[in-house]
PDBML (XML) file of the C-alpha atoms, coordinates in Angstrom:
<?xml version="1.0" encoding="UTF-8" ?>
<PDBx:datablock datablockName="MODEL"
   xmlns:PDBx="http://pdbml.pdb.org/schema/pdbx-v50.xsd"
   xmlns:xsi="http://www.w3.org/2001/XMLSchema-instance"
   xsi:schemaLocation="http://pdbml.pdb.org/schema/pdbx-v50.xsd pdbx-v50.xsd">
   <PDBx:atom_siteCategory>
      <PDBx:atom_site id="1">
         <PDBx:B_iso_or_equiv>0.00</PDBx:B_iso_or_equiv>
         <PDBx:Cartn_x>-14.692</PDBx:Cartn_x>
         <PDBx:Cartn_y>5.984</PDBx:Cartn_y>
         <PDBx:Cartn_z>-16.964</PDBx:Cartn_z>
         <PDBx:auth_asym_id>A</PDBx:auth_asym_id>
         <PDBx:auth_atom_id>CA</PDBx:auth_atom_id>
         <PDBx:auth_comp_id>LEU</PDBx:auth_comp_id>
         <PDBx:auth_seq_id>1</PDBx:auth_seq_id>
         <PDBx:group_PDB>ATOM</PDBx:group_PDB>
         <PDBx:label_alt_id xsi:nil="true" />
         <PDBx:label_asym_id>A</PDBx:label_asym_id>
         <PDBx:label_atom_id>CA</PDBx:label_atom_id>
         <PDBx:label_comp_id>LEU</PDBx:label_comp_id>
         <PDBx:label_entity_id>1</PDBx:label_entity_id>
         <PDBx:label_seq_id>1</PDBx:label_seq_id>
         <PDBx:occupancy>1.00</PDBx:occupancy>
         <PDBx:pdbx_PDB_model_num>1</PDBx:pdbx_PDB_model_num>
         <PDBx:type_symbol>C</PDBx:type_symbol>
      </PDBx:atom_site>
      <PDBx:atom_site id="2">
         <PDBx:B_iso_or_equiv>0.00</PDBx:B_iso_or_equiv>
         <PDBx:Cartn_x>-17.356</PDBx:Cartn_x>
         <PDBx:Cartn_y>3.081</PDBx:Cartn_y>
         <PDBx:Cartn_z>-15.491</PDBx:Cartn_z>
         <PDBx:auth_asym_id>A</PDBx:auth_asym_id>
         <PDBx:auth_atom_id>CA</PDBx:auth_atom_id>
         <PDBx:auth_comp_id>LEU</PDBx:auth_comp_id>
         <PDBx:auth_seq_id>2</PDBx:auth_seq_id>
         <PDBx:group_PDB>ATOM</PDBx:group_PDB>
         <PDBx:label_alt_id xsi:nil="true" />
         <PDBx:label_asym_id>A</PDBx:label_asym_id>
         <PDBx:label_atom_id>CA</PDBx:label_atom_id>
         <PDBx:label_comp_id>LEU</PDBx:label_comp_id>
         <PDBx:label_entity_id>1</PDBx:label_entity_id>
         <PDBx:label_seq_id>2</PDBx:label_seq_id>
         <PDBx:occupancy>1.00</PDBx:occupancy>
         <PDBx:pdbx_PDB_model_num>1</PDBx:pdbx_PDB_model_num>
         <PDBx:type_symbol>C</PDBx:type_symbol>
      </PDBx:atom_site>
      <PDBx:atom_site id="3">
         <PDBx:B_iso_or_equiv>0.00</PDBx:B_iso_or_equiv>
         <PDBx:Cartn_x>-13.971</PDBx:Cartn_x>
         <PDBx:Cartn_y>0.642</PDBx:Cartn_y>
         <PDBx:Cartn_z>-16.381</PDBx:Cartn_z>
         <PDBx:auth_asym_id>A</PDBx:auth_asym_id>
         <PDBx:auth_atom_id>CA</PDBx:auth_atom_id>
         <PDBx:auth_comp_id>PHE</PDBx:auth_comp_id>
         <PDBx:auth_seq_id>3</PDBx:auth_seq_id>
         <PDBx:group_PDB>ATOM</PDBx:group_PDB>
         <PDBx:label_alt_id xsi:nil="true" />
         <PDBx:label_asym_id>A</PDBx:label_asym_id>
         <PDBx:label_atom_id>CA</PDBx:label_atom_id>
         <PDBx:label_comp_id>PHE</PDBx:label_comp_id>
         <PDBx:label_entity_id>1</PDBx:label_entity_id>
         <PDBx:label_seq_id>3</PDBx:label_seq_id>
         <PDBx:occupancy>1.00</PDBx:occupancy>
         <PDBx:pdbx_PDB_model_num>1</PDBx:pdbx_PDB_model_num>
         <PDBx:type_symbol>C</PDBx:type_symbol>
      </PDBx:atom_site>
      <PDBx:atom_site id="4">
         <PDBx:B_iso_or_equiv>0.00</PDBx:B_iso_or_equiv>
         <PDBx:Cartn_x>-11.880</PDBx:Cartn_x>
         <PDBx:Cartn_y>3.122</PDBx:Cartn_y>
         <PDBx:Cartn_z>-14.089</PDBx:Cartn_z>
         <PDBx:auth_asym_id>A</PDBx:auth_asym_id>
         <PDBx:auth_atom_id>CA</PDBx:auth_atom_id>
         <PDBx:auth_comp_id>VAL</PDBx:auth_comp_id>
         <PDBx:auth_seq_id>4</PDBx:auth_seq_id>
         <PDBx:group_PDB>ATOM</PDBx:group_PDB>
         <PDBx:label_alt_id xsi:nil="true" />
         <PDBx:label_asym_id>A</PDBx:label_asym_id>
         <PDBx:label_atom_id>CA</PDBx:label_atom_id>
         <PDBx:label_comp_id>VAL</PDBx:label_comp_id>
         <PDBx:label_entity_id>1</PDBx:label_entity_id>
         <PDBx:label_seq_id>4</PDBx:label_seq_id>
         <PDBx:occupancy>1.00</PDBx:occupancy>
         <PDBx:pdbx_PDB_model_num>1</PDBx:pdbx_PDB_model_num>
         <PDBx:type_symbol>C</PDBx:type_symbol>
      </PDBx:atom_site>
      <PDBx:atom_site id="5">
         <PDBx:B_iso_or_equiv>0.00</PDBx:B_iso_or_equiv>
         <PDBx:Cartn_x>-14.664</PDBx:Cartn_x>
         <PDBx:Cartn_y>3.430</PDBx:Cartn_y>
         <PDBx:Cartn_z>-11.524</PDBx:Cartn_z>
         <PDBx:auth_asym_id>A</PDBx:auth_asym_id>
         <PDBx:auth_atom_id>CA</PDBx:auth_atom_id>
         <PDBx:auth_comp_id>SER</PDBx:auth_comp_id>
         <PDBx:auth_seq_id>5</PDBx:auth_seq_id>
         <PDBx:group_PDB>ATOM</PDBx:group_PDB>
         <PDBx:label_alt_id xsi:nil="true" />
         <PDBx:label_asym_id>A</PDBx:label_asym_id>
         <PDBx:label_atom_id>CA</PDBx:label_atom_id>
         <PDBx:label_comp_id>SER</PDBx:label_comp_id>
         <PDBx:label_entity_id>1</PDBx:label_entity_id>
         <PDBx:label_seq_id>5</PDBx:label_seq_id>
         <PDBx:occupancy>1.00</PDBx:occupancy>
         <PDBx:pdbx_PDB_model_num>1</PDBx:pdbx_PDB_model_num>
         <PDBx:type_symbol>C</PDBx:type_symbol>
      </PDBx:atom_site>
      <PDBx:atom_site id="6">
         <PDBx:B_iso_or_equiv>0.00</PDBx:B_iso_or_equiv>
         <PDBx:Cartn_x>-15.069</PDBx:Cartn_x>
         <PDBx:Cartn_y>-0.428</PDBx:Cartn_y>
         <PDBx:Cartn_z>-11.324</PDBx:Cartn_z>
         <PDBx:auth_asym_id>A</PDBx:auth_asym_id>
         <PDBx:auth_atom_id>CA</PDBx:auth_atom_id>
         <PDBx:auth_comp_id>ASN</PDBx:auth_comp_id>
         <PDBx:auth_seq_id>6</PDBx:auth_seq_id>
         <PDBx:group_PDB>ATOM</PDBx:group_PDB>
         <PDBx:label_alt_id xsi:nil="true" />
         <PDBx:label_asym_id>A</PDBx:label_asym_id>
         <PDBx:label_atom_id>CA</PDBx:label_atom_id>
         <PDBx:label_comp_id>ASN</PDBx:label_comp_id>
         <PDBx:label_entity_id>1</PDBx:label_entity_id>
         <PDBx:label_seq_id>6</PDBx:label_seq_id>
         <PDBx:occupancy>1.00</PDBx:occupancy>
         <PDBx:pdbx_PDB_model_num>1</PDBx:pdbx_PDB_model_num>
         <PDBx:type_symbol>C</PDBx:type_symbol>
      </PDBx:atom_site>
      <PDBx:atom_site id="7">
         <PDBx:B_iso_or_equiv>0.00</PDBx:B_iso_or_equiv>
         <PDBx:Cartn_x>-11.477</PDBx:Cartn_x>
         <PDBx:Cartn_y>-2.070</PDBx:Cartn_y>
         <PDBx:Cartn_z>-11.999</PDBx:Cartn_z>
         <PDBx:auth_asym_id>A</PDBx:auth_asym_id>
         <PDBx:auth_atom_id>CA</PDBx:auth_atom_id>
         <PDBx:auth_comp_id>SER</PDBx:auth_comp_id>
         <PDBx:auth_seq_id>7</PDBx:auth_seq_id>
         <PDBx:group_PDB>ATOM</PDBx:group_PDB>
         <PDBx:label_alt_id xsi:nil="true" />
         <PDBx:label_asym_id>A</PDBx:label_asym_id>
         <PDBx:label_atom_id>CA</PDBx:label_atom_id>
         <PDBx:label_comp_id>SER</PDBx:label_comp_id>
         <PDBx:label_entity_id>1</PDBx:label_entity_id>
         <PDBx:label_seq_id>7</PDBx:label_seq_id>
         <PDBx:occupancy>1.00</PDBx:occupancy>
         <PDBx:pdbx_PDB_model_num>1</PDBx:pdbx_PDB_model_num>
         <PDBx:type_symbol>C</PDBx:type_symbol>
      </PDBx:atom_site>
      <PDBx:atom_site id="8">
         <PDBx:B_iso_or_equiv>0.00</PDBx:B_iso_or_equiv>
         <PDBx:Cartn_x>-8.879</PDBx:Cartn_x>
         <PDBx:Cartn_y>1.115</PDBx:Cartn_y>
         <PDBx:Cartn_z>-11.210</PDBx:Cartn_z>
         <PDBx:auth_asym_id>A</PDBx:auth_asym_id>
         <PDBx:auth_atom_id>CA</PDBx:auth_atom_id>
         <PDBx:auth_comp_id>GLY</PDBx:auth_comp_id>
         <PDBx:auth_seq_id>8</PDBx:auth_seq_id>
         <PDBx:group_PDB>ATOM</PDBx:group_PDB>
         <PDBx:label_alt_id xsi:nil="true" />
         <PDBx:label_asym_id>A</PDBx:label_asym_id>
         <PDBx:label_atom_id>CA</PDBx:label_atom_id>
         <PDBx:label_comp_id>GLY</PDBx:label_comp_id>
         <PDBx:label_entity_id>1</PDBx:label_entity_id>
         <PDBx:label_seq_id>8</PDBx:label_seq_id>
         <PDBx:occupancy>1.00</PDBx:occupancy>
         <PDBx:pdbx_PDB_model_num>1</PDBx:pdbx_PDB_model_num>
         <PDBx:type_symbol>C</PDBx:type_symbol>
      </PDBx:atom_site>
      <PDBx:atom_site id="9">
         <PDBx:B_iso_or_equiv>0.00</PDBx:B_iso_or_equiv>
         <PDBx:Cartn_x>-10.947</PDBx:Cartn_x>
         <PDBx:Cartn_y>1.979</PDBx:Cartn_y>
         <PDBx:Cartn_z>-7.853</PDBx:Cartn_z>
         <PDBx:auth_asym_id>A</PDBx:auth_asym_id>
         <PDBx:auth_atom_id>CA</PDBx:auth_atom_id>
         <PDBx:auth_comp_id>ALA</PDBx:auth_comp_id>
         <PDBx:auth_seq_id>9</PDBx:auth_seq_id>
         <PDBx:group_PDB>ATOM</PDBx:group_PDB>
         <PDBx:label_alt_id xsi:nil="true" />
         <PDBx:label_asym_id>A</PDBx:label_asym_id>
         <PDBx:label_atom_id>CA</PDBx:label_atom_id>
         <PDBx:label_comp_id>ALA</PDBx:label_comp_id>
         <PDBx:label_entity_id>1</PDBx:label_entity_id>
         <PDBx:label_seq_id>9</PDBx:label_seq_id>
         <PDBx:occupancy>1.00</PDBx:occupancy>
         <PDBx:pdbx_PDB_model_num>1</PDBx:pdbx_PDB_model_num>
         <PDBx:type_symbol>C</PDBx:type_symbol>
      </PDBx:atom_site>
      <PDBx:atom_site id="10">
         <PDBx:B_iso_or_equiv>0.00</PDBx:B_iso_or_equiv>
         <PDBx:Cartn_x>-10.686</PDBx:Cartn_x>
         <PDBx:Cartn_y>-1.641</PDBx:Cartn_y>
         <PDBx:Cartn_z>-7.148</PDBx:Cartn_z>
         <PDBx:auth_asym_id>A</PDBx:auth_asym_id>
         <PDBx:auth_atom_id>CA</PDBx:auth_atom_id>
         <PDBx:auth_comp_id>LEU</PDBx:auth_comp_id>
         <PDBx:auth_seq_id>10</PDBx:auth_seq_id>
         <PDBx:group_PDB>ATOM</PDBx:group_PDB>
         <PDBx:label_alt_id xsi:nil="true" />
         <PDBx:label_asym_id>A</PDBx:label_asym_id>
         <PDBx:label_atom_id>CA</PDBx:label_atom_id>
         <PDBx:label_comp_id>LEU</PDBx:label_comp_id>
         <PDBx:label_entity_id>1</PDBx:label_entity_id>
         <PDBx:label_seq_id>10</PDBx:label_seq_id>
         <PDBx:occupancy>1.00</PDBx:occupancy>
         <PDBx:pdbx_PDB_model_num>1</PDBx:pdbx_PDB_model_num>
         <PDBx:type_symbol>C</PDBx:type_symbol>
      </PDBx:atom_site>
      <PDBx:atom_site id="11">
         <PDBx:B_iso_or_equiv>0.00</PDBx:B_iso_or_equiv>
         <PDBx:Cartn_x>-7.258</PDBx:Cartn_x>
         <PDBx:Cartn_y>-2.261</PDBx:Cartn_y>
         <PDBx:Cartn_z>-7.603</PDBx:Cartn_z>
         <PDBx:auth_asym_id>A</PDBx:auth_asym_id>
         <PDBx:auth_atom_id>CA</PDBx:auth_atom_id>
         <PDBx:auth_comp_id>CYS</PDBx:auth_comp_id>
         <PDBx:auth_seq_id>11</PDBx:auth_seq_id>
         <PDBx:group_PDB>ATOM</PDBx:group_PDB>
         <PDBx:label_alt_id xsi:nil="true" />
         <PDBx:label_asym_id>A</PDBx:label_asym_id>
         <PDBx:label_atom_id>CA</PDBx:label_atom_id>
         <PDBx:label_comp_id>CYS</PDBx:label_comp_id>
         <PDBx:label_entity_id>1</PDBx:label_entity_id>
         <PDBx:label_seq_id>11</PDBx:label_seq_id>
         <PDBx:occupancy>1.00</PDBx:occupancy>
         <PDBx:pdbx_PDB_model_num>1</PDBx:pdbx_PDB_model_num>
         <PDBx:type_symbol>C</PDBx:type_symbol>
      </PDBx:atom_site>
      <PDBx:atom_site id="12">
         <PDBx:B_iso_or_equiv>0.00</PDBx:B_iso_or_equiv>
         <PDBx:Cartn_x>-6.133</PDBx:Cartn_x>
         <PDBx:Cartn_y>1.387</PDBx:Cartn_y>
         <PDBx:Cartn_z>-6.314</PDBx:Cartn_z>
         <PDBx:auth_asym_id>A</PDBx:auth_asym_id>
         <PDBx:auth_atom_id>CA</PDBx:auth_atom_id>
         <PDBx:auth_comp_id>SER</PDBx:auth_comp_id>
         <PDBx:auth_seq_id>12</PDBx:auth_seq_id>
         <PDBx:group_PDB>ATOM</PDBx:group_PDB>
         <PDBx:label_alt_id xsi:nil="true" />
         <PDBx:label_asym_id>A</PDBx:label_asym_id>
         <PDBx:label_atom_id>CA</PDBx:label_atom_id>
         <PDBx:label_comp_id>SER</PDBx:label_comp_id>
         <PDBx:label_entity_id>1</PDBx:label_entity_id>
         <PDBx:label_seq_id>12</PDBx:label_seq_id>
         <PDBx:occupancy>1.00</PDBx:occupancy>
         <PDBx:pdbx_PDB_model_num>1</PDBx:pdbx_PDB_model_num>
         <PDBx:type_symbol>C</PDBx:type_symbol>
      </PDBx:atom_site>
      <PDBx:atom_site id="13">
         <PDBx:B_iso_or_equiv>0.00</PDBx:B_iso_or_equiv>
         <PDBx:Cartn_x>-8.519</PDBx:Cartn_x>
         <PDBx:Cartn_y>1.392</PDBx:Cartn_y>
         <PDBx:Cartn_z>-3.178</PDBx:Cartn_z>
         <PDBx:auth_asym_id>A</PDBx:auth_asym_id>
         <PDBx:auth_atom_id>CA</PDBx:auth_atom_id>
         <PDBx:auth_comp_id>PHE</PDBx:auth_comp_id>
         <PDBx:auth_seq_id>13</PDBx:auth_seq_id>
         <PDBx:group_PDB>ATOM</PDBx:group_PDB>
         <PDBx:label_alt_id xsi:nil="true" />
         <PDBx:label_asym_id>A</PDBx:label_asym_id>
         <PDBx:label_atom_id>CA</PDBx:label_atom_id>
         <PDBx:label_comp_id>PHE</PDBx:label_comp_id>
         <PDBx:label_entity_id>1</PDBx:label_entity_id>
         <PDBx:label_seq_id>13</PDBx:label_seq_id>
         <PDBx:occupancy>1.00</PDBx:occupancy>
         <PDBx:pdbx_PDB_model_num>1</PDBx:pdbx_PDB_model_num>
         <PDBx:type_symbol>C</PDBx:type_symbol>
      </PDBx:atom_site>
      <PDBx:atom_site id="14">
         <PDBx:B_iso_or_equiv>0.00</PDBx:B_iso_or_equiv>
         <PDBx:Cartn_x>-7.185</PDBx:Cartn_x>
         <PDBx:Cartn_y>-2.081</PDBx:Cartn_y>
         <PDBx:Cartn_z>-2.100</PDBx:Cartn_z>
         <PDBx:auth_asym_id>A</PDBx:auth_asym_id>
         <PDBx:auth_atom_id>CA</PDBx:auth_atom_id>
         <PDBx:auth_comp_id>SER</PDBx:auth_comp_id>
         <PDBx:auth_seq_id>14</PDBx:auth_seq_id>
         <PDBx:group_PDB>ATOM</PDBx:group_PDB>
         <PDBx:label_alt_id xsi:nil="true" />
         <PDBx:label_asym_id>A</PDBx:label_asym_id>
         <PDBx:label_atom_id>CA</PDBx:label_atom_id>
         <PDBx:label_comp_id>SER</PDBx:label_comp_id>
         <PDBx:label_entity_id>1</PDBx:label_entity_id>
         <PDBx:label_seq_id>14</PDBx:label_seq_id>
         <PDBx:occupancy>1.00</PDBx:occupancy>
         <PDBx:pdbx_PDB_model_num>1</PDBx:pdbx_PDB_model_num>
         <PDBx:type_symbol>C</PDBx:type_symbol>
      </PDBx:atom_site>
      <PDBx:atom_site id="15">
         <PDBx:B_iso_or_equiv>0.00</PDBx:B_iso_or_equiv>
         <PDBx:Cartn_x>-3.615</PDBx:Cartn_x>
         <PDBx:Cartn_y>-1.348</PDBx:Cartn_y>
         <PDBx:Cartn_z>-2.207</PDBx:Cartn_z>
         <PDBx:auth_asym_id>A</PDBx:auth_asym_id>
         <PDBx:auth_atom_id>CA</PDBx:auth_atom_id>
         <PDBx:auth_comp_id>PHE</PDBx:auth_comp_id>
         <PDBx:auth_seq_id>15</PDBx:auth_seq_id>
         <PDBx:group_PDB>ATOM</PDBx:group_PDB>
         <PDBx:label_alt_id xsi:nil="true" />
         <PDBx:label_asym_id>A</PDBx:label_asym_id>
         <PDBx:label_atom_id>CA</PDBx:label_atom_id>
         <PDBx:label_comp_id>PHE</PDBx:label_comp_id>
         <PDBx:label_entity_id>1</PDBx:label_entity_id>
         <PDBx:label_seq_id>15</PDBx:label_seq_id>
         <PDBx:occupancy>1.00</PDBx:occupancy>
         <PDBx:pdbx_PDB_model_num>1</PDBx:pdbx_PDB_model_num>
         <PDBx:type_symbol>C</PDBx:type_symbol>
      </PDBx:atom_site>
      <PDBx:atom_site id="16">
         <PDBx:B_iso_or_equiv>0.00</PDBx:B_iso_or_equiv>
         <PDBx:Cartn_x>-4.165</PDBx:Cartn_x>
         <PDBx:Cartn_y>1.623</PDBx:Cartn_y>
         <PDBx:Cartn_z>0.140</PDBx:Cartn_z>
         <PDBx:auth_asym_id>A</PDBx:auth_asym_id>
         <PDBx:auth_atom_id>CA</PDBx:auth_atom_id>
         <PDBx:auth_comp_id>ILE</PDBx:auth_comp_id>
         <PDBx:auth_seq_id>16</PDBx:auth_seq_id>
         <PDBx:group_PDB>ATOM</PDBx:group_PDB>
         <PDBx:label_alt_id xsi:nil="true" />
         <PDBx:label_asym_id>A</PDBx:label_asym_id>
         <PDBx:label_atom_id>CA</PDBx:label_atom_id>
         <PDBx:label_comp_id>ILE</PDBx:label_comp_id>
         <PDBx:label_entity_id>1</PDBx:label_entity_id>
         <PDBx:label_seq_id>16</PDBx:label_seq_id>
         <PDBx:occupancy>1.00</PDBx:occupancy>
         <PDBx:pdbx_PDB_model_num>1</PDBx:pdbx_PDB_model_num>
         <PDBx:type_symbol>C</PDBx:type_symbol>
      </PDBx:atom_site>
      <PDBx:atom_site id="17">
         <PDBx:B_iso_or_equiv>0.00</PDBx:B_iso_or_equiv>
         <PDBx:Cartn_x>-5.788</PDBx:Cartn_x>
         <PDBx:Cartn_y>-0.084</PDBx:Cartn_y>
         <PDBx:Cartn_z>2.478</PDBx:Cartn_z>
         <PDBx:auth_asym_id>A</PDBx:auth_asym_id>
         <PDBx:auth_atom_id>CA</PDBx:auth_atom_id>
         <PDBx:auth_comp_id>VAL</PDBx:auth_comp_id>
         <PDBx:auth_seq_id>17</PDBx:auth_seq_id>
         <PDBx:group_PDB>ATOM</PDBx:group_PDB>
         <PDBx:label_alt_id xsi:nil="true" />
         <PDBx:label_asym_id>A</PDBx:label_asym_id>
         <PDBx:label_atom_id>CA</PDBx:label_atom_id>
         <PDBx:label_comp_id>VAL</PDBx:label_comp_id>
         <PDBx:label_entity_id>1</PDBx:label_entity_id>
         <PDBx:label_seq_id>17</PDBx:label_seq_id>
         <PDBx:occupancy>1.00</PDBx:occupancy>
         <PDBx:pdbx_PDB_model_num>1</PDBx:pdbx_PDB_model_num>
         <PDBx:type_symbol>C</PDBx:type_symbol>
      </PDBx:atom_site>
      <PDBx:atom_site id="18">
         <PDBx:B_iso_or_equiv>0.00</PDBx:B_iso_or_equiv>
         <PDBx:Cartn_x>-3.563</PDBx:Cartn_x>
         <PDBx:Cartn_y>-3.522</PDBx:Cartn_y>
         <PDBx:Cartn_z>2.170</PDBx:Cartn_z>
         <PDBx:auth_asym_id>A</PDBx:auth_asym_id>
         <PDBx:auth_atom_id>CA</PDBx:auth_atom_id>
         <PDBx:auth_comp_id>LEU</PDBx:auth_comp_id>
         <PDBx:auth_seq_id>18</PDBx:auth_seq_id>
         <PDBx:group_PDB>ATOM</PDBx:group_PDB>
         <PDBx:label_alt_id xsi:nil="true" />
         <PDBx:label_asym_id>A</PDBx:label_asym_id>
         <PDBx:label_atom_id>CA</PDBx:label_atom_id>
         <PDBx:label_comp_id>LEU</PDBx:label_comp_id>
         <PDBx:label_entity_id>1</PDBx:label_entity_id>
         <PDBx:label_seq_id>18</PDBx:label_seq_id>
         <PDBx:occupancy>1.00</PDBx:occupancy>
         <PDBx:pdbx_PDB_model_num>1</PDBx:pdbx_PDB_model_num>
         <PDBx:type_symbol>C</PDBx:type_symbol>
      </PDBx:atom_site>
      <PDBx:atom_site id="19">
         <PDBx:B_iso_or_equiv>0.00</PDBx:B_iso_or_equiv>
         <PDBx:Cartn_x>-0.647</PDBx:Cartn_x>
         <PDBx:Cartn_y>-0.638</PDBx:Cartn_y>
         <PDBx:Cartn_z>2.487</PDBx:Cartn_z>
         <PDBx:auth_asym_id>A</PDBx:auth_asym_id>
         <PDBx:auth_atom_id>CA</PDBx:auth_atom_id>
         <PDBx:auth_comp_id>MET</PDBx:auth_comp_id>
         <PDBx:auth_seq_id>19</PDBx:auth_seq_id>
         <PDBx:group_PDB>ATOM</PDBx:group_PDB>
         <PDBx:label_alt_id xsi:nil="true" />
         <PDBx:label_asym_id>A</PDBx:label_asym_id>
         <PDBx:label_atom_id>CA</PDBx:label_atom_id>
         <PDBx:label_comp_id>MET</PDBx:label_comp_id>
         <PDBx:label_entity_id>1</PDBx:label_entity_id>
         <PDBx:label_seq_id>19</PDBx:label_seq_id>
         <PDBx:occupancy>1.00</PDBx:occupancy>
         <PDBx:pdbx_PDB_model_num>1</PDBx:pdbx_PDB_model_num>
         <PDBx:type_symbol>C</PDBx:type_symbol>
      </PDBx:atom_site>
      <PDBx:atom_site id="20">
         <PDBx:B_iso_or_equiv>0.00</PDBx:B_iso_or_equiv>
         <PDBx:Cartn_x>-2.263</PDBx:Cartn_x>
         <PDBx:Cartn_y>1.038</PDBx:Cartn_y>
         <PDBx:Cartn_z>5.742</PDBx:Cartn_z>
         <PDBx:auth_asym_id>A</PDBx:auth_asym_id>
         <PDBx:auth_atom_id>CA</PDBx:auth_atom_id>
         <PDBx:auth_comp_id>ILE</PDBx:auth_comp_id>
         <PDBx:auth_seq_id>20</PDBx:auth_seq_id>
         <PDBx:group_PDB>ATOM</PDBx:group_PDB>
         <PDBx:label_alt_id xsi:nil="true" />
         <PDBx:label_asym_id>A</PDBx:label_asym_id>
         <PDBx:label_atom_id>CA</PDBx:label_atom_id>
         <PDBx:label_comp_id>ILE</PDBx:label_comp_id>
         <PDBx:label_entity_id>1</PDBx:label_entity_id>
         <PDBx:label_seq_id>20</PDBx:label_seq_id>
         <PDBx:occupancy>1.00</PDBx:occupancy>
         <PDBx:pdbx_PDB_model_num>1</PDBx:pdbx_PDB_model_num>
         <PDBx:type_symbol>C</PDBx:type_symbol>
      </PDBx:atom_site>
      <PDBx:atom_site id="21">
         <PDBx:B_iso_or_equiv>0.00</PDBx:B_iso_or_equiv>
         <PDBx:Cartn_x>-2.622</PDBx:Cartn_x>
         <PDBx:Cartn_y>-2.280</PDBx:Cartn_y>
         <PDBx:Cartn_z>7.120</PDBx:Cartn_z>
         <PDBx:auth_asym_id>A</PDBx:auth_asym_id>
         <PDBx:auth_atom_id>CA</PDBx:auth_atom_id>
         <PDBx:auth_comp_id>SER</PDBx:auth_comp_id>
         <PDBx:auth_seq_id>21</PDBx:auth_seq_id>
         <PDBx:group_PDB>ATOM</PDBx:group_PDB>
         <PDBx:label_alt_id xsi:nil="true" />
         <PDBx:label_asym_id>A</PDBx:label_asym_id>
         <PDBx:label_atom_id>CA</PDBx:label_atom_id>
         <PDBx:label_comp_id>SER</PDBx:label_comp_id>
         <PDBx:label_entity_id>1</PDBx:label_entity_id>
         <PDBx:label_seq_id>21</PDBx:label_seq_id>
         <PDBx:occupancy>1.00</PDBx:occupancy>
         <PDBx:pdbx_PDB_model_num>1</PDBx:pdbx_PDB_model_num>
         <PDBx:type_symbol>C</PDBx:type_symbol>
      </PDBx:atom_site>
      <PDBx:atom_site id="22">
         <PDBx:B_iso_or_equiv>0.00</PDBx:B_iso_or_equiv>
         <PDBx:Cartn_x>1.492</PDBx:Cartn_x>
         <PDBx:Cartn_y>-3.036</PDBx:Cartn_y>
         <PDBx:Cartn_z>6.814</PDBx:Cartn_z>
         <PDBx:auth_asym_id>A</PDBx:auth_asym_id>
         <PDBx:auth_atom_id>CA</PDBx:auth_atom_id>
         <PDBx:auth_comp_id>TYR</PDBx:auth_comp_id>
         <PDBx:auth_seq_id>22</PDBx:auth_seq_id>
         <PDBx:group_PDB>ATOM</PDBx:group_PDB>
         <PDBx:label_alt_id xsi:nil="true" />
         <PDBx:label_asym_id>A</PDBx:label_asym_id>
         <PDBx:label_atom_id>CA</PDBx:label_atom_id>
         <PDBx:label_comp_id>TYR</PDBx:label_comp_id>
         <PDBx:label_entity_id>1</PDBx:label_entity_id>
         <PDBx:label_seq_id>22</PDBx:label_seq_id>
         <PDBx:occupancy>1.00</PDBx:occupancy>
         <PDBx:pdbx_PDB_model_num>1</PDBx:pdbx_PDB_model_num>
         <PDBx:type_symbol>C</PDBx:type_symbol>
      </PDBx:atom_site>
      <PDBx:atom_site id="23">
         <PDBx:B_iso_or_equiv>0.00</PDBx:B_iso_or_equiv>
         <PDBx:Cartn_x>1.913</PDBx:Cartn_x>
         <PDBx:Cartn_y>-0.151</PDBx:Cartn_y>
         <PDBx:Cartn_z>8.246</PDBx:Cartn_z>
         <PDBx:auth_asym_id>A</PDBx:auth_asym_id>
         <PDBx:auth_atom_id>CA</PDBx:auth_atom_id>
         <PDBx:auth_comp_id>ILE</PDBx:auth_comp_id>
         <PDBx:auth_seq_id>23</PDBx:auth_seq_id>
         <PDBx:group_PDB>ATOM</PDBx:group_PDB>
         <PDBx:label_alt_id xsi:nil="true" />
         <PDBx:label_asym_id>A</PDBx:label_asym_id>
         <PDBx:label_atom_id>CA</PDBx:label_atom_id>
         <PDBx:label_comp_id>ILE</PDBx:label_comp_id>
         <PDBx:label_entity_id>1</PDBx:label_entity_id>
         <PDBx:label_seq_id>23</PDBx:label_seq_id>
         <PDBx:occupancy>1.00</PDBx:occupancy>
         <PDBx:pdbx_PDB_model_num>1</PDBx:pdbx_PDB_model_num>
         <PDBx:type_symbol>C</PDBx:type_symbol>
      </PDBx:atom_site>
      <PDBx:atom_site id="24">
         <PDBx:B_iso_or_equiv>0.00</PDBx:B_iso_or_equiv>
         <PDBx:Cartn_x>-0.154</PDBx:Cartn_x>
         <PDBx:Cartn_y>-0.807</PDBx:Cartn_y>
         <PDBx:Cartn_z>11.284</PDBx:Cartn_z>
         <PDBx:auth_asym_id>A</PDBx:auth_asym_id>
         <PDBx:auth_atom_id>CA</PDBx:auth_atom_id>
         <PDBx:auth_comp_id>VAL</PDBx:auth_comp_id>
         <PDBx:auth_seq_id>24</PDBx:auth_seq_id>
         <PDBx:group_PDB>ATOM</PDBx:group_PDB>
         <PDBx:label_alt_id xsi:nil="true" />
         <PDBx:label_asym_id>A</PDBx:label_asym_id>
         <PDBx:label_atom_id>CA</PDBx:label_atom_id>
         <PDBx:label_comp_id>VAL</PDBx:label_comp_id>
         <PDBx:label_entity_id>1</PDBx:label_entity_id>
         <PDBx:label_seq_id>24</PDBx:label_seq_id>
         <PDBx:occupancy>1.00</PDBx:occupancy>
         <PDBx:pdbx_PDB_model_num>1</PDBx:pdbx_PDB_model_num>
         <PDBx:type_symbol>C</PDBx:type_symbol>
      </PDBx:atom_site>
      <PDBx:atom_site id="25">
         <PDBx:B_iso_or_equiv>0.00</PDBx:B_iso_or_equiv>
         <PDBx:Cartn_x>1.250</PDBx:Cartn_x>
         <PDBx:Cartn_y>-4.234</PDBx:Cartn_y>
         <PDBx:Cartn_z>11.952</PDBx:Cartn_z>
         <PDBx:auth_asym_id>A</PDBx:auth_asym_id>
         <PDBx:auth_atom_id>CA</PDBx:auth_atom_id>
         <PDBx:auth_comp_id>ILE</PDBx:auth_comp_id>
         <PDBx:auth_seq_id>25</PDBx:auth_seq_id>
         <PDBx:group_PDB>ATOM</PDBx:group_PDB>
         <PDBx:label_alt_id xsi:nil="true" />
         <PDBx:label_asym_id>A</PDBx:label_asym_id>
         <PDBx:label_atom_id>CA</PDBx:label_atom_id>
         <PDBx:label_comp_id>ILE</PDBx:label_comp_id>
         <PDBx:label_entity_id>1</PDBx:label_entity_id>
         <PDBx:label_seq_id>25</PDBx:label_seq_id>
         <PDBx:occupancy>1.00</PDBx:occupancy>
         <PDBx:pdbx_PDB_model_num>1</PDBx:pdbx_PDB_model_num>
         <PDBx:type_symbol>C</PDBx:type_symbol>
      </PDBx:atom_site>
   </PDBx:atom_siteCategory>
</PDBx:datablock>
C-alpha cells in the first residue's frame, strides 16, 4: 500500500495533471 501510494500515486497523479494541462493548451 505504501509503494502504491508512493510510486503508483506519483505516476497516476502526474499523468492526469499532464493530460489536463495539454487539453487546456
